[in-house]
Structures are given as C-alpha cells and as structure tokens.
C-alpha cells in the first residue's frame, strides 16, 4: 500500500509499537524515515527508552505513526536493534493500513457484543477501532426496545478474541433504525483495553492482506 506525501510521518512524531505475538504496547519517537523510490517500502528508526527497545528487539511489531496531515499509518516489520541504545530499526516494511481521515486504523470486523443502556441488547460489531465501533443489534425489535439516540451514554461489551473481553463506556454518535445499527465513540478507554482492540483490528487487516496476496498469486 502506497504512503502518499501527506501521510509521511514527521521526524520527532510519536510512534506506538505493538508486538504482534503479544505483550504491552511501547511508545517512542520517530528519529528517521525514508522510502524506496516506488514508495512501497519504508525504513523507520524509532527511539524508545532502553528497556522498551530491548524488549522489542528482533520481535515482529505493528508500528502506528501519525502522518503530517493527521492520517494514521501502520507498518508491519521486525524491530531490529542498532548500535545505539534505545534505538530500533524497522526496515523493509509496507504500509499495512492508512487512514486518510482517521487518527486510528479501523477494520470491518465481526465480534460478539452486548450493548447496555436502559436495557441490554445482544449485538455484533461490524466496524471496530480503538476509538469507537459500529454495531448491529440482533433484531429490529431489540433495536426498538433499546431506544438509543445520539449523545446517549452506553456501555459496550465486546469479545475481542476467544480469551479477552473489553467493557467500554461509549457515547452514541449515530443511530440507523432501518439497519438496526448504532455508531459509538469510546469514552476514557484504558490503554490496556485500547491495546486489546487494536491488536484484534490489526490482526484482521494483516490476515486480509495475506489472503489477498495469496489470491493474487
């Protein structure tokens, strides 16, 4: 996936590194960025504290960067240590995801969920990111009974994977009664829960890219 000029992250900008195999998210600063002439391959140098860099050395990671125009750029790479303490080199990476108008990547991802307001309603996610979700309720009757409207505060329980469930406070952004859909933005989501959601989202995007590559081959 190409990185356009307005998506190029500025040196000195924040970087979030999420180990693909599991473990806590680490935060650092972009020290250098370059791309191949075709714009498909990028090389990023990230500076973190020494302990964080050591914990990620030789690990496959997802790196979340913020483009100069506010776009989200996610790279997938193996983090390599350098001769400089606290520095990691991400090389040969492709843009796993770019979001022109969003600060966070999103995926069309289906997970079992429950929406809790004045009543509880079974639902499933159809769109998910670390900042919000779009869910569809099980039936039209459930939608009518739930009775949500814009700006209502609700709670979303979502099974991000087979072993982890996130419970998030959220604000209703939009209700589509005809489709039984509710769009939500999360409120004060903890870093740990945000990481759980982001790992599910990026895992879905990565899997879809692999499947697309296999089909093309």
N, C-alpha and C. Protein backbone atom coordinates (compact mmCIF):
# COMPACT_ATOMS: atom_id res chain seq x y z
N UNK A 1 0.85 -1.19 0.00
CA UNK A 1 0.00 0.00 0.00
C UNK A 1 0.88 1.24 0.00
N UNK A 2 0.61 2.18 -0.89
CA UNK A 2 1.42 3.38 -1.01
C UNK A 2 1.21 4.30 0.20
N UNK A 3 2.27 5.05 0.54
CA UNK A 3 2.18 6.13 1.52
C UNK A 3 2.29 7.42 0.73
N UNK A 4 1.22 8.21 0.73
CA UNK A 4 1.20 9.45 -0.03
C UNK A 4 1.96 10.53 0.72
N UNK A 5 2.34 11.64 0.05
CA UNK A 5 3.14 12.68 0.71
C UNK A 5 2.53 13.20 2.01
N UNK A 6 1.20 13.37 2.06
CA UNK A 6 0.60 13.90 3.29
C UNK A 6 0.48 12.85 4.39
N UNK A 7 0.80 11.59 4.05
CA UNK A 7 0.79 10.54 5.06
C UNK A 7 2.18 10.26 5.63
N UNK A 8 3.20 10.90 5.08
CA UNK A 8 4.56 10.67 5.57
C UNK A 8 4.68 11.22 6.99
N UNK A 9 5.06 10.39 7.95
CA UNK A 9 5.15 10.86 9.34
C UNK A 9 6.36 11.77 9.55
N UNK A 10 6.21 12.85 10.29
CA UNK A 10 7.33 13.76 10.52
C UNK A 10 8.30 13.21 11.56
N UNK A 11 9.58 13.46 11.34
CA UNK A 11 10.59 13.10 12.33
C UNK A 11 10.30 13.85 13.63
N UNK A 12 10.39 13.15 14.74
CA UNK A 12 10.05 13.73 16.04
C UNK A 12 8.64 13.41 16.48
N UNK A 13 7.85 12.81 15.57
CA UNK A 13 6.47 12.48 15.91
C UNK A 13 6.38 11.22 16.75
N UNK A 14 5.22 11.00 17.39
CA UNK A 14 5.05 9.84 18.26
C UNK A 14 4.88 8.54 17.46
N UNK A 15 5.35 7.45 18.06
CA UNK A 15 5.21 6.12 17.47
C UNK A 15 4.73 5.17 18.56
N UNK A 16 3.73 4.36 18.24
CA UNK A 16 3.30 3.28 19.13
C UNK A 16 3.73 1.96 18.51
N UNK A 17 4.40 1.13 19.29
CA UNK A 17 4.86 -0.17 18.81
C UNK A 17 4.12 -1.27 19.57
N UNK A 18 3.44 -2.13 18.82
CA UNK A 18 2.65 -3.20 19.41
C UNK A 18 3.22 -4.54 18.96
N UNK A 19 3.79 -5.33 19.89
CA UNK A 19 4.33 -6.64 19.50
C UNK A 19 3.22 -7.56 19.00
N UNK A 20 3.41 -8.14 17.83
CA UNK A 20 2.37 -8.95 17.21
C UNK A 20 2.07 -10.20 18.02
N UNK A 21 3.10 -10.77 18.64
CA UNK A 21 2.92 -12.02 19.38
C UNK A 21 2.28 -11.84 20.74
N UNK A 22 2.10 -10.58 21.17
CA UNK A 22 1.50 -10.31 22.47
C UNK A 22 2.44 -9.48 23.33
N UNK A 23 1.89 -8.90 24.38
CA UNK A 23 2.69 -8.06 25.25
C UNK A 23 2.25 -6.61 25.17
N UNK A 24 2.75 -5.79 26.09
CA UNK A 24 2.28 -4.40 26.17
C UNK A 24 2.77 -3.54 25.02
N UNK A 25 2.00 -2.52 24.74
CA UNK A 25 2.38 -1.51 23.76
C UNK A 25 3.52 -0.65 24.31
N UNK A 26 4.45 -0.28 23.44
CA UNK A 26 5.54 0.61 23.83
C UNK A 26 5.46 1.88 22.99
N UNK A 27 5.89 2.99 23.57
CA UNK A 27 5.81 4.27 22.87
C UNK A 27 7.19 4.89 22.70
N UNK A 28 7.39 5.49 21.55
CA UNK A 28 8.67 6.11 21.26
C UNK A 28 8.50 7.29 20.33
N UNK A 29 9.62 7.70 19.73
CA UNK A 29 9.65 8.86 18.84
C UNK A 29 10.33 8.48 17.54
N UNK A 30 9.80 8.97 16.43
CA UNK A 30 10.39 8.70 15.13
C UNK A 30 11.66 9.54 14.95
N UNK A 31 12.79 8.86 14.73
CA UNK A 31 14.07 9.55 14.56
C UNK A 31 14.46 9.71 13.10
N UNK A 32 13.97 8.81 12.25
CA UNK A 32 14.30 8.91 10.83
C UNK A 32 13.27 8.13 10.03
N UNK A 33 13.05 8.57 8.80
CA UNK A 33 12.06 7.93 7.92
C UNK A 33 12.53 8.07 6.48
N UNK A 34 12.49 6.98 5.74
CA UNK A 34 12.81 7.05 4.32
C UNK A 34 11.99 5.99 3.60
N UNK A 35 11.79 6.19 2.30
CA UNK A 35 11.03 5.24 1.50
C UNK A 35 11.80 4.92 0.22
N UNK A 36 11.45 3.79 -0.36
CA UNK A 36 12.04 3.40 -1.64
C UNK A 36 11.51 4.32 -2.73
N UNK A 37 12.17 4.37 -3.89
CA UNK A 37 11.70 5.24 -4.97
C UNK A 37 10.24 5.00 -5.35
N UNK A 38 9.80 3.75 -5.27
CA UNK A 38 8.41 3.45 -5.63
C UNK A 38 7.44 3.79 -4.52
N UNK A 39 7.94 4.06 -3.33
CA UNK A 39 7.09 4.44 -2.22
C UNK A 39 6.41 3.28 -1.51
N UNK A 40 6.80 2.04 -1.85
CA UNK A 40 6.15 0.88 -1.25
C UNK A 40 6.85 0.39 0.01
N UNK A 41 8.16 0.56 0.06
CA UNK A 41 8.96 0.06 1.18
C UNK A 41 9.46 1.25 1.99
N UNK A 42 9.32 1.15 3.29
CA UNK A 42 9.75 2.24 4.18
C UNK A 42 10.76 1.72 5.18
N UNK A 43 11.61 2.62 5.63
CA UNK A 43 12.55 2.33 6.71
C UNK A 43 12.36 3.40 7.78
N UNK A 44 12.11 2.95 9.00
CA UNK A 44 11.88 3.87 10.10
C UNK A 44 12.85 3.56 11.23
N UNK A 45 13.38 4.61 11.84
CA UNK A 45 14.20 4.47 13.05
C UNK A 45 13.41 5.08 14.19
N UNK A 46 13.23 4.29 15.26
CA UNK A 46 12.42 4.71 16.39
C UNK A 46 13.27 4.72 17.65
N UNK A 47 13.15 5.78 18.45
CA UNK A 47 13.88 5.89 19.70
C UNK A 47 12.91 5.68 20.87
N UNK A 48 13.27 4.76 21.78
CA UNK A 48 12.48 4.46 22.96
C UNK A 48 13.43 4.46 24.16
N UNK A 49 12.88 4.21 25.35
CA UNK A 49 13.80 4.01 26.47
C UNK A 49 14.48 2.66 26.30
N UNK A 50 15.62 2.48 26.95
CA UNK A 50 16.45 1.31 26.71
C UNK A 50 15.70 0.00 26.98
N UNK A 51 14.94 -0.05 28.07
CA UNK A 51 14.25 -1.29 28.43
C UNK A 51 13.19 -1.65 27.40
N UNK A 52 12.45 -0.66 26.93
CA UNK A 52 11.41 -0.91 25.93
C UNK A 52 12.03 -1.40 24.62
N UNK A 53 13.13 -0.76 24.22
CA UNK A 53 13.79 -1.18 22.98
C UNK A 53 14.31 -2.61 23.10
N UNK A 54 14.89 -2.94 24.24
CA UNK A 54 15.42 -4.29 24.44
C UNK A 54 14.30 -5.33 24.41
N UNK A 55 13.13 -4.99 24.93
CA UNK A 55 12.02 -5.94 24.97
C UNK A 55 11.46 -6.23 23.59
N UNK A 56 11.66 -5.31 22.64
CA UNK A 56 11.10 -5.47 21.29
C UNK A 56 12.12 -5.90 20.25
N UNK A 57 13.40 -5.92 20.60
CA UNK A 57 14.43 -6.26 19.63
C UNK A 57 14.19 -7.65 19.05
N UNK A 58 14.23 -7.74 17.72
CA UNK A 58 14.04 -8.98 16.97
C UNK A 58 12.60 -9.50 17.02
N UNK A 59 11.68 -8.66 17.46
CA UNK A 59 10.27 -9.05 17.52
C UNK A 59 9.50 -8.45 16.34
N UNK A 60 8.56 -9.20 15.75
CA UNK A 60 7.67 -8.59 14.77
C UNK A 60 6.70 -7.64 15.46
N UNK A 61 6.53 -6.46 14.89
CA UNK A 61 5.70 -5.44 15.53
C UNK A 61 4.80 -4.77 14.50
N UNK A 62 3.74 -4.16 15.01
CA UNK A 62 2.98 -3.17 14.26
C UNK A 62 3.38 -1.81 14.79
N UNK A 63 3.74 -0.91 13.91
CA UNK A 63 4.13 0.45 14.30
C UNK A 63 3.08 1.42 13.82
N UNK A 64 2.49 2.16 14.76
CA UNK A 64 1.48 3.16 14.43
C UNK A 64 2.13 4.53 14.45
N UNK A 65 2.06 5.23 13.31
CA UNK A 65 2.63 6.56 13.19
C UNK A 65 1.55 7.52 12.72
N UNK A 66 1.78 8.81 12.96
CA UNK A 66 0.83 9.84 12.55
C UNK A 66 1.42 10.63 11.40
N UNK A 67 0.73 10.62 10.26
CA UNK A 67 1.21 11.37 9.11
C UNK A 67 1.13 12.87 9.34
N UNK A 68 1.86 13.62 8.52
CA UNK A 68 1.90 15.07 8.67
C UNK A 68 0.51 15.69 8.54
N UNK A 69 -0.36 15.07 7.73
CA UNK A 69 -1.71 15.58 7.56
C UNK A 69 -2.72 15.01 8.53
N UNK A 70 -2.24 14.29 9.55
CA UNK A 70 -3.13 13.70 10.54
C UNK A 70 -3.57 12.29 10.24
N UNK A 71 -3.15 11.75 9.08
CA UNK A 71 -3.54 10.40 8.70
C UNK A 71 -2.80 9.37 9.55
N UNK A 72 -3.48 8.26 9.81
CA UNK A 72 -2.86 7.15 10.52
C UNK A 72 -2.13 6.26 9.52
N UNK A 73 -0.91 5.87 9.86
CA UNK A 73 -0.12 4.95 9.04
C UNK A 73 0.36 3.83 9.95
N UNK A 74 0.09 2.58 9.55
CA UNK A 74 0.52 1.43 10.33
C UNK A 74 1.47 0.60 9.48
N UNK A 75 2.62 0.28 10.04
CA UNK A 75 3.63 -0.51 9.36
C UNK A 75 3.82 -1.84 10.09
N UNK A 76 4.12 -2.88 9.34
CA UNK A 76 4.40 -4.19 9.92
C UNK A 76 5.85 -4.54 9.61
N UNK A 77 6.63 -4.86 10.64
CA UNK A 77 8.05 -5.11 10.43
C UNK A 77 8.64 -5.87 11.61
N UNK A 78 9.87 -6.34 11.43
CA UNK A 78 10.65 -6.87 12.54
C UNK A 78 11.50 -5.74 13.09
N UNK A 79 11.43 -5.54 14.41
CA UNK A 79 12.20 -4.48 15.06
C UNK A 79 13.62 -4.98 15.29
N UNK A 80 14.59 -4.28 14.74
CA UNK A 80 15.99 -4.67 14.88
C UNK A 80 16.73 -3.66 15.73
N UNK A 81 17.52 -4.15 16.68
CA UNK A 81 18.35 -3.27 17.48
C UNK A 81 19.47 -2.68 16.65
N UNK A 82 19.98 -1.53 17.06
CA UNK A 82 21.11 -0.89 16.38
C UNK A 82 22.26 -0.73 17.37
N UNK A 83 23.32 -0.09 16.92
CA UNK A 83 24.46 0.16 17.81
C UNK A 83 24.15 1.22 18.86
N UNK A 84 23.04 1.91 18.69
CA UNK A 84 22.65 2.97 19.63
C UNK A 84 21.64 2.41 20.62
N UNK A 85 21.91 2.54 21.91
CA UNK A 85 20.97 2.08 22.93
C UNK A 85 19.63 2.80 22.79
N UNK A 86 18.55 2.05 22.95
CA UNK A 86 17.23 2.65 22.89
C UNK A 86 16.73 2.95 21.49
N UNK A 87 17.40 2.40 20.48
CA UNK A 87 17.02 2.68 19.09
C UNK A 87 16.65 1.38 18.39
N UNK A 88 15.57 1.41 17.60
CA UNK A 88 15.13 0.26 16.82
C UNK A 88 15.01 0.66 15.36
N UNK A 89 15.38 -0.27 14.50
CA UNK A 89 15.27 -0.06 13.06
C UNK A 89 14.16 -0.96 12.53
N UNK A 90 13.18 -0.35 11.87
CA UNK A 90 12.11 -1.08 11.21
C UNK A 90 12.36 -0.96 9.72
N UNK A 91 12.71 -2.06 9.10
CA UNK A 91 13.15 -1.97 7.71
C UNK A 91 12.37 -2.94 6.83
N UNK A 92 12.26 -2.58 5.54
CA UNK A 92 11.55 -3.42 4.60
C UNK A 92 10.07 -3.50 4.87
N UNK A 93 9.51 -2.48 5.52
CA UNK A 93 8.11 -2.53 5.92
C UNK A 93 7.21 -1.94 4.84
N UNK A 94 6.01 -2.45 4.76
CA UNK A 94 4.99 -1.92 3.88
C UNK A 94 3.90 -1.29 4.74
N UNK A 95 3.17 -0.37 4.18
CA UNK A 95 2.06 0.23 4.90
C UNK A 95 0.94 -0.80 5.01
N UNK A 96 0.75 -1.34 6.21
CA UNK A 96 -0.31 -2.31 6.43
C UNK A 96 -1.67 -1.63 6.32
N UNK A 97 -1.75 -0.42 6.84
CA UNK A 97 -3.02 0.31 6.81
C UNK A 97 -2.74 1.80 6.80
N UNK A 98 -3.56 2.54 6.06
CA UNK A 98 -3.53 4.00 6.11
C UNK A 98 -4.96 4.49 6.22
N UNK A 99 -5.17 5.53 7.00
CA UNK A 99 -6.49 6.12 7.18
C UNK A 99 -6.37 7.62 6.91
N UNK A 100 -6.92 8.06 5.80
CA UNK A 100 -6.76 9.45 5.40
C UNK A 100 -7.44 10.41 6.36
N UNK A 101 -8.63 10.04 6.86
CA UNK A 101 -9.41 10.96 7.67
C UNK A 101 -9.59 10.47 9.10
N UNK A 102 -8.82 9.48 9.51
CA UNK A 102 -8.93 8.94 10.86
C UNK A 102 -7.55 8.89 11.50
N UNK A 103 -7.54 9.11 12.81
CA UNK A 103 -6.27 9.03 13.54
C UNK A 103 -5.93 7.60 13.92
N UNK A 104 -6.90 6.69 13.79
CA UNK A 104 -6.69 5.29 14.16
C UNK A 104 -7.19 4.37 13.05
N UNK A 105 -6.49 3.26 12.80
CA UNK A 105 -6.97 2.31 11.80
C UNK A 105 -8.23 1.61 12.27
N UNK A 106 -9.07 1.23 11.33
CA UNK A 106 -10.31 0.52 11.63
C UNK A 106 -10.40 -0.70 10.72
N UNK A 107 -11.25 -1.64 11.12
CA UNK A 107 -11.46 -2.84 10.31
C UNK A 107 -12.92 -3.23 10.36
N UNK A 108 -13.38 -3.81 9.24
CA UNK A 108 -14.72 -4.40 9.21
C UNK A 108 -14.61 -5.76 9.89
N UNK A 109 -14.83 -5.75 11.18
CA UNK A 109 -14.54 -6.93 11.99
C UNK A 109 -15.77 -7.33 12.79
N UNK A 110 -16.14 -8.59 12.71
CA UNK A 110 -17.34 -9.09 13.39
C UNK A 110 -16.94 -9.76 14.70
N UNK A 111 -17.44 -9.23 15.80
CA UNK A 111 -17.22 -9.81 17.12
C UNK A 111 -18.54 -9.78 17.90
N UNK A 112 -18.77 -10.83 18.68
CA UNK A 112 -19.97 -10.83 19.52
C UNK A 112 -19.88 -9.71 20.54
N UNK A 113 -21.02 -9.07 20.78
CA UNK A 113 -21.03 -7.92 21.68
C UNK A 113 -22.37 -7.82 22.39
N UNK A 114 -22.39 -6.96 23.39
CA UNK A 114 -23.63 -6.62 24.08
C UNK A 114 -23.63 -5.12 24.31
N UNK A 115 -24.74 -4.50 23.99
CA UNK A 115 -24.91 -3.06 24.18
C UNK A 115 -25.80 -2.86 25.40
N UNK A 116 -25.32 -2.07 26.36
CA UNK A 116 -26.06 -1.86 27.60
C UNK A 116 -26.43 -0.40 27.76
N UNK A 117 -27.73 -0.15 27.84
CA UNK A 117 -28.24 1.18 28.10
C UNK A 117 -29.30 1.06 29.18
N UNK A 118 -30.51 1.51 28.88
CA UNK A 118 -31.59 1.29 29.85
C UNK A 118 -31.98 -0.18 29.88
N UNK A 119 -31.66 -0.90 28.79
CA UNK A 119 -31.77 -2.36 28.75
C UNK A 119 -30.50 -2.88 28.08
N UNK A 120 -30.29 -4.19 28.13
CA UNK A 120 -29.16 -4.81 27.46
C UNK A 120 -29.65 -5.48 26.18
N UNK A 121 -28.84 -5.40 25.12
CA UNK A 121 -29.23 -5.98 23.84
C UNK A 121 -28.04 -6.71 23.22
N UNK A 122 -28.29 -7.91 22.71
CA UNK A 122 -27.25 -8.66 22.00
C UNK A 122 -26.93 -7.94 20.70
N UNK A 123 -25.65 -7.94 20.33
CA UNK A 123 -25.22 -7.24 19.13
C UNK A 123 -23.95 -7.89 18.60
N UNK A 124 -23.48 -7.39 17.47
CA UNK A 124 -22.16 -7.77 16.97
C UNK A 124 -21.54 -6.54 16.32
N UNK A 125 -20.23 -6.47 16.40
CA UNK A 125 -19.53 -5.35 15.76
C UNK A 125 -19.46 -5.58 14.26
N UNK A 126 -19.52 -4.50 13.50
CA UNK A 126 -19.30 -4.58 12.06
C UNK A 126 -18.18 -3.63 11.64
N UNK A 127 -17.69 -2.84 12.59
CA UNK A 127 -16.63 -1.87 12.33
C UNK A 127 -16.02 -1.56 13.70
N UNK A 128 -14.69 -1.65 13.80
CA UNK A 128 -14.07 -1.50 15.11
C UNK A 128 -12.72 -0.80 15.00
N UNK A 129 -12.44 0.09 15.95
CA UNK A 129 -11.12 0.71 16.09
C UNK A 129 -10.92 0.99 17.57
N UNK A 130 -9.74 1.50 17.94
CA UNK A 130 -9.50 1.78 19.35
C UNK A 130 -10.23 3.03 19.81
N UNK A 131 -10.86 3.76 18.89
CA UNK A 131 -11.61 4.96 19.28
C UNK A 131 -13.12 4.79 19.22
N UNK A 132 -13.61 3.71 18.61
CA UNK A 132 -15.05 3.55 18.53
C UNK A 132 -15.45 2.30 17.77
N UNK A 133 -16.75 2.14 17.58
CA UNK A 133 -17.27 0.94 16.93
C UNK A 133 -18.61 1.24 16.28
N UNK A 134 -18.95 0.39 15.33
CA UNK A 134 -20.31 0.38 14.79
C UNK A 134 -20.85 -1.03 15.02
N UNK A 135 -22.03 -1.12 15.63
CA UNK A 135 -22.60 -2.41 15.97
C UNK A 135 -23.98 -2.54 15.35
N UNK A 136 -24.38 -3.78 15.12
CA UNK A 136 -25.73 -4.06 14.65
C UNK A 136 -26.40 -4.94 15.70
N UNK A 137 -27.63 -4.57 16.07
CA UNK A 137 -28.37 -5.34 17.05
C UNK A 137 -29.00 -6.56 16.39
N UNK A 138 -29.32 -7.56 17.19
CA UNK A 138 -29.73 -8.86 16.66
C UNK A 138 -31.05 -8.79 15.89
N UNK A 139 -31.99 -7.97 16.34
CA UNK A 139 -33.30 -7.90 15.69
C UNK A 139 -33.81 -6.47 15.68
N UNK A 140 -34.78 -6.20 14.80
CA UNK A 140 -35.42 -4.89 14.78
C UNK A 140 -36.12 -4.61 16.11
N UNK A 141 -36.71 -5.65 16.69
CA UNK A 141 -37.40 -5.49 17.97
C UNK A 141 -36.42 -5.09 19.07
N UNK A 142 -35.22 -5.70 19.04
CA UNK A 142 -34.20 -5.35 20.03
C UNK A 142 -33.78 -3.90 19.87
N UNK A 143 -33.69 -3.44 18.63
CA UNK A 143 -33.32 -2.05 18.37
C UNK A 143 -34.39 -1.10 18.92
N UNK A 144 -35.64 -1.43 18.66
CA UNK A 144 -36.73 -0.58 19.14
C UNK A 144 -36.78 -0.57 20.66
N UNK A 145 -36.53 -1.72 21.26
CA UNK A 145 -36.58 -1.82 22.72
C UNK A 145 -35.41 -1.10 23.37
N UNK A 146 -34.25 -1.11 22.69
CA UNK A 146 -33.07 -0.47 23.26
C UNK A 146 -33.26 1.04 23.33
N UNK A 147 -33.83 1.61 22.28
CA UNK A 147 -34.24 3.01 22.32
C UNK A 147 -33.11 4.03 22.43
N UNK A 148 -31.96 3.76 21.83
CA UNK A 148 -30.84 4.69 21.92
C UNK A 148 -31.03 5.87 20.98
N UNK A 149 -30.45 7.00 21.34
CA UNK A 149 -30.43 8.17 20.47
C UNK A 149 -29.07 8.85 20.59
N UNK A 150 -28.77 9.73 19.66
CA UNK A 150 -27.46 10.39 19.63
C UNK A 150 -27.17 11.08 20.95
N UNK A 151 -25.91 10.97 21.39
CA UNK A 151 -25.37 11.56 22.62
C UNK A 151 -25.71 10.78 23.88
N UNK A 152 -26.50 9.70 23.78
CA UNK A 152 -26.71 8.84 24.94
C UNK A 152 -25.39 8.19 25.33
N UNK A 153 -25.19 7.97 26.62
CA UNK A 153 -24.02 7.24 27.08
C UNK A 153 -24.43 5.80 27.37
N UNK A 154 -23.68 4.85 26.82
CA UNK A 154 -24.00 3.44 26.95
C UNK A 154 -22.72 2.68 27.31
N UNK A 155 -22.84 1.38 27.41
CA UNK A 155 -21.69 0.52 27.67
C UNK A 155 -21.67 -0.58 26.61
N UNK A 156 -20.49 -0.82 26.05
CA UNK A 156 -20.33 -1.87 25.05
C UNK A 156 -19.43 -2.95 25.61
N UNK A 157 -19.91 -4.18 25.57
CA UNK A 157 -19.11 -5.35 25.93
C UNK A 157 -18.80 -6.09 24.64
N UNK A 158 -17.53 -6.25 24.31
CA UNK A 158 -17.16 -6.88 23.04
C UNK A 158 -16.09 -7.94 23.27
N UNK A 159 -16.30 -9.11 22.69
CA UNK A 159 -15.33 -10.20 22.77
C UNK A 159 -14.29 -9.98 21.67
N UNK A 160 -13.16 -9.38 22.03
CA UNK A 160 -12.16 -9.05 21.01
C UNK A 160 -11.47 -10.30 20.47
N UNK A 161 -11.37 -11.34 21.30
CA UNK A 161 -10.93 -12.65 20.81
C UNK A 161 -11.48 -13.71 21.74
N UNK A 162 -11.05 -14.95 21.55
CA UNK A 162 -11.64 -16.06 22.30
C UNK A 162 -11.40 -15.96 23.79
N UNK A 163 -10.36 -15.23 24.20
CA UNK A 163 -9.99 -15.20 25.61
C UNK A 163 -10.09 -13.83 26.25
N UNK A 164 -10.41 -12.79 25.49
CA UNK A 164 -10.42 -11.44 26.05
C UNK A 164 -11.71 -10.70 25.71
N UNK A 165 -12.26 -10.05 26.72
CA UNK A 165 -13.46 -9.24 26.56
C UNK A 165 -13.17 -7.83 27.06
N UNK A 166 -13.59 -6.85 26.29
CA UNK A 166 -13.43 -5.45 26.67
C UNK A 166 -14.79 -4.88 27.03
N UNK A 167 -14.85 -4.17 28.16
CA UNK A 167 -16.05 -3.45 28.56
C UNK A 167 -15.72 -1.97 28.48
N UNK A 168 -16.43 -1.25 27.60
CA UNK A 168 -16.07 0.14 27.32
C UNK A 168 -17.28 1.06 27.46
N UNK A 169 -17.08 2.18 28.15
CA UNK A 169 -18.09 3.24 28.13
C UNK A 169 -18.03 3.92 26.77
N UNK A 170 -19.20 4.31 26.26
CA UNK A 170 -19.23 4.89 24.92
C UNK A 170 -20.37 5.89 24.81
N UNK A 171 -20.23 6.78 23.83
CA UNK A 171 -21.28 7.74 23.51
C UNK A 171 -21.86 7.40 22.15
N UNK A 172 -23.17 7.44 22.04
CA UNK A 172 -23.84 7.16 20.77
C UNK A 172 -23.62 8.34 19.82
N UNK A 173 -23.06 8.06 18.66
CA UNK A 173 -22.82 9.09 17.65
C UNK A 173 -23.96 9.15 16.65
N UNK A 174 -24.45 7.97 16.27
CA UNK A 174 -25.48 7.91 15.23
C UNK A 174 -26.28 6.63 15.39
N UNK A 175 -27.57 6.71 15.08
CA UNK A 175 -28.46 5.55 15.12
C UNK A 175 -29.12 5.40 13.76
N UNK A 176 -29.03 4.20 13.19
CA UNK A 176 -29.71 3.89 11.93
C UNK A 176 -30.75 2.81 12.24
N UNK A 177 -31.98 3.25 12.51
CA UNK A 177 -33.02 2.32 12.93
C UNK A 177 -33.36 1.32 11.83
N UNK A 178 -33.29 1.73 10.57
CA UNK A 178 -33.63 0.82 9.48
C UNK A 178 -32.66 -0.34 9.39
N UNK A 179 -31.40 -0.09 9.69
CA UNK A 179 -30.39 -1.15 9.64
C UNK A 179 -30.12 -1.76 11.01
N UNK A 180 -30.77 -1.25 12.04
CA UNK A 180 -30.54 -1.69 13.43
C UNK A 180 -29.08 -1.50 13.83
N UNK A 181 -28.48 -0.38 13.37
CA UNK A 181 -27.08 -0.10 13.63
C UNK A 181 -26.92 1.09 14.58
N UNK A 182 -25.89 1.01 15.40
CA UNK A 182 -25.55 2.10 16.32
C UNK A 182 -24.05 2.37 16.18
N UNK A 183 -23.69 3.64 15.93
CA UNK A 183 -22.29 4.04 15.86
C UNK A 183 -21.89 4.66 17.19
N UNK A 184 -20.72 4.27 17.69
CA UNK A 184 -20.28 4.65 19.03
C UNK A 184 -18.88 5.23 19.01
N UNK A 185 -18.60 6.13 19.93
CA UNK A 185 -17.23 6.56 20.19
C UNK A 185 -16.92 6.25 21.64
N UNK A 186 -15.74 5.67 21.89
CA UNK A 186 -15.40 5.25 23.24
C UNK A 186 -15.05 6.45 24.12
N UNK A 187 -15.33 6.30 25.42
CA UNK A 187 -15.06 7.34 26.41
C UNK A 187 -14.06 6.79 27.43
N UNK A 188 -12.93 7.46 27.56
CA UNK A 188 -11.94 7.11 28.59
C UNK A 188 -11.57 5.63 28.56
N UNK A 189 -11.32 5.10 27.37
CA UNK A 189 -10.89 3.71 27.24
C UNK A 189 -9.48 3.56 27.81
N UNK A 190 -9.28 2.55 28.64
CA UNK A 190 -7.96 2.35 29.24
C UNK A 190 -6.95 1.96 28.16
N UNK A 191 -5.68 2.23 28.43
CA UNK A 191 -4.63 1.86 27.48
C UNK A 191 -4.62 0.36 27.22
N UNK A 192 -4.85 -0.43 28.28
CA UNK A 192 -4.83 -1.89 28.12
C UNK A 192 -5.95 -2.36 27.21
N UNK A 193 -7.16 -1.80 27.39
CA UNK A 193 -8.28 -2.20 26.54
C UNK A 193 -8.10 -1.68 25.11
N UNK A 194 -7.54 -0.48 24.97
CA UNK A 194 -7.27 0.05 23.63
C UNK A 194 -6.29 -0.85 22.89
N UNK A 195 -5.28 -1.35 23.61
CA UNK A 195 -4.31 -2.25 23.00
C UNK A 195 -4.96 -3.56 22.59
N UNK A 196 -5.86 -4.09 23.41
CA UNK A 196 -6.56 -5.33 23.07
C UNK A 196 -7.37 -5.15 21.78
N UNK A 197 -8.06 -4.03 21.68
CA UNK A 197 -8.86 -3.77 20.49
C UNK A 197 -7.96 -3.58 19.27
N UNK A 198 -6.88 -2.81 19.43
CA UNK A 198 -6.01 -2.55 18.28
C UNK A 198 -5.35 -3.83 17.78
N UNK A 199 -4.99 -4.73 18.69
CA UNK A 199 -4.38 -5.99 18.25
C UNK A 199 -5.38 -6.80 17.41
N UNK A 200 -6.66 -6.80 17.82
CA UNK A 200 -7.67 -7.51 17.04
C UNK A 200 -7.87 -6.87 15.67
N UNK A 201 -7.89 -5.54 15.65
CA UNK A 201 -8.10 -4.81 14.39
C UNK A 201 -6.93 -5.04 13.43
N UNK A 202 -5.70 -4.88 13.91
CA UNK A 202 -4.54 -5.03 13.04
C UNK A 202 -4.35 -6.49 12.63
N UNK A 203 -4.70 -7.41 13.51
CA UNK A 203 -4.64 -8.82 13.14
C UNK A 203 -5.59 -9.13 12.00
N UNK A 204 -6.78 -8.53 12.03
CA UNK A 204 -7.76 -8.72 10.96
C UNK A 204 -7.24 -8.13 9.65
N UNK A 205 -6.70 -6.91 9.71
CA UNK A 205 -6.18 -6.26 8.50
C UNK A 205 -5.03 -7.07 7.91
N UNK A 206 -4.13 -7.55 8.77
CA UNK A 206 -2.99 -8.33 8.31
C UNK A 206 -3.44 -9.63 7.66
N UNK A 207 -4.43 -10.28 8.27
CA UNK A 207 -4.94 -11.53 7.72
C UNK A 207 -5.59 -11.31 6.36
N UNK A 208 -6.34 -10.22 6.23
CA UNK A 208 -6.99 -9.92 4.95
C UNK A 208 -5.96 -9.64 3.87
N UNK A 209 -4.86 -8.95 4.24
CA UNK A 209 -3.83 -8.66 3.25
C UNK A 209 -3.14 -9.95 2.80
N UNK A 210 -2.89 -10.86 3.74
CA UNK A 210 -2.26 -12.13 3.38
C UNK A 210 -3.17 -12.93 2.45
N UNK A 211 -4.46 -12.94 2.74
CA UNK A 211 -5.40 -13.67 1.89
C UNK A 211 -5.47 -13.06 0.50
N UNK A 212 -5.45 -11.72 0.44
CA UNK A 212 -5.48 -11.05 -0.86
C UNK A 212 -4.22 -11.37 -1.66
N UNK A 213 -3.06 -11.42 -0.97
CA UNK A 213 -1.82 -11.74 -1.64
C UNK A 213 -1.81 -13.17 -2.16
N UNK A 214 -2.38 -14.09 -1.36
CA UNK A 214 -2.44 -15.49 -1.79
C UNK A 214 -3.36 -15.65 -3.00
N UNK A 215 -4.46 -14.91 -3.00
CA UNK A 215 -5.40 -14.99 -4.13
C UNK A 215 -4.78 -14.43 -5.39
N UNK A 216 -4.02 -13.33 -5.23
CA UNK A 216 -3.38 -12.70 -6.40
C UNK A 216 -2.29 -13.60 -6.97
N UNK A 217 -1.64 -14.37 -6.06
CA UNK A 217 -0.57 -15.25 -6.52
C UNK A 217 -1.10 -16.48 -7.22
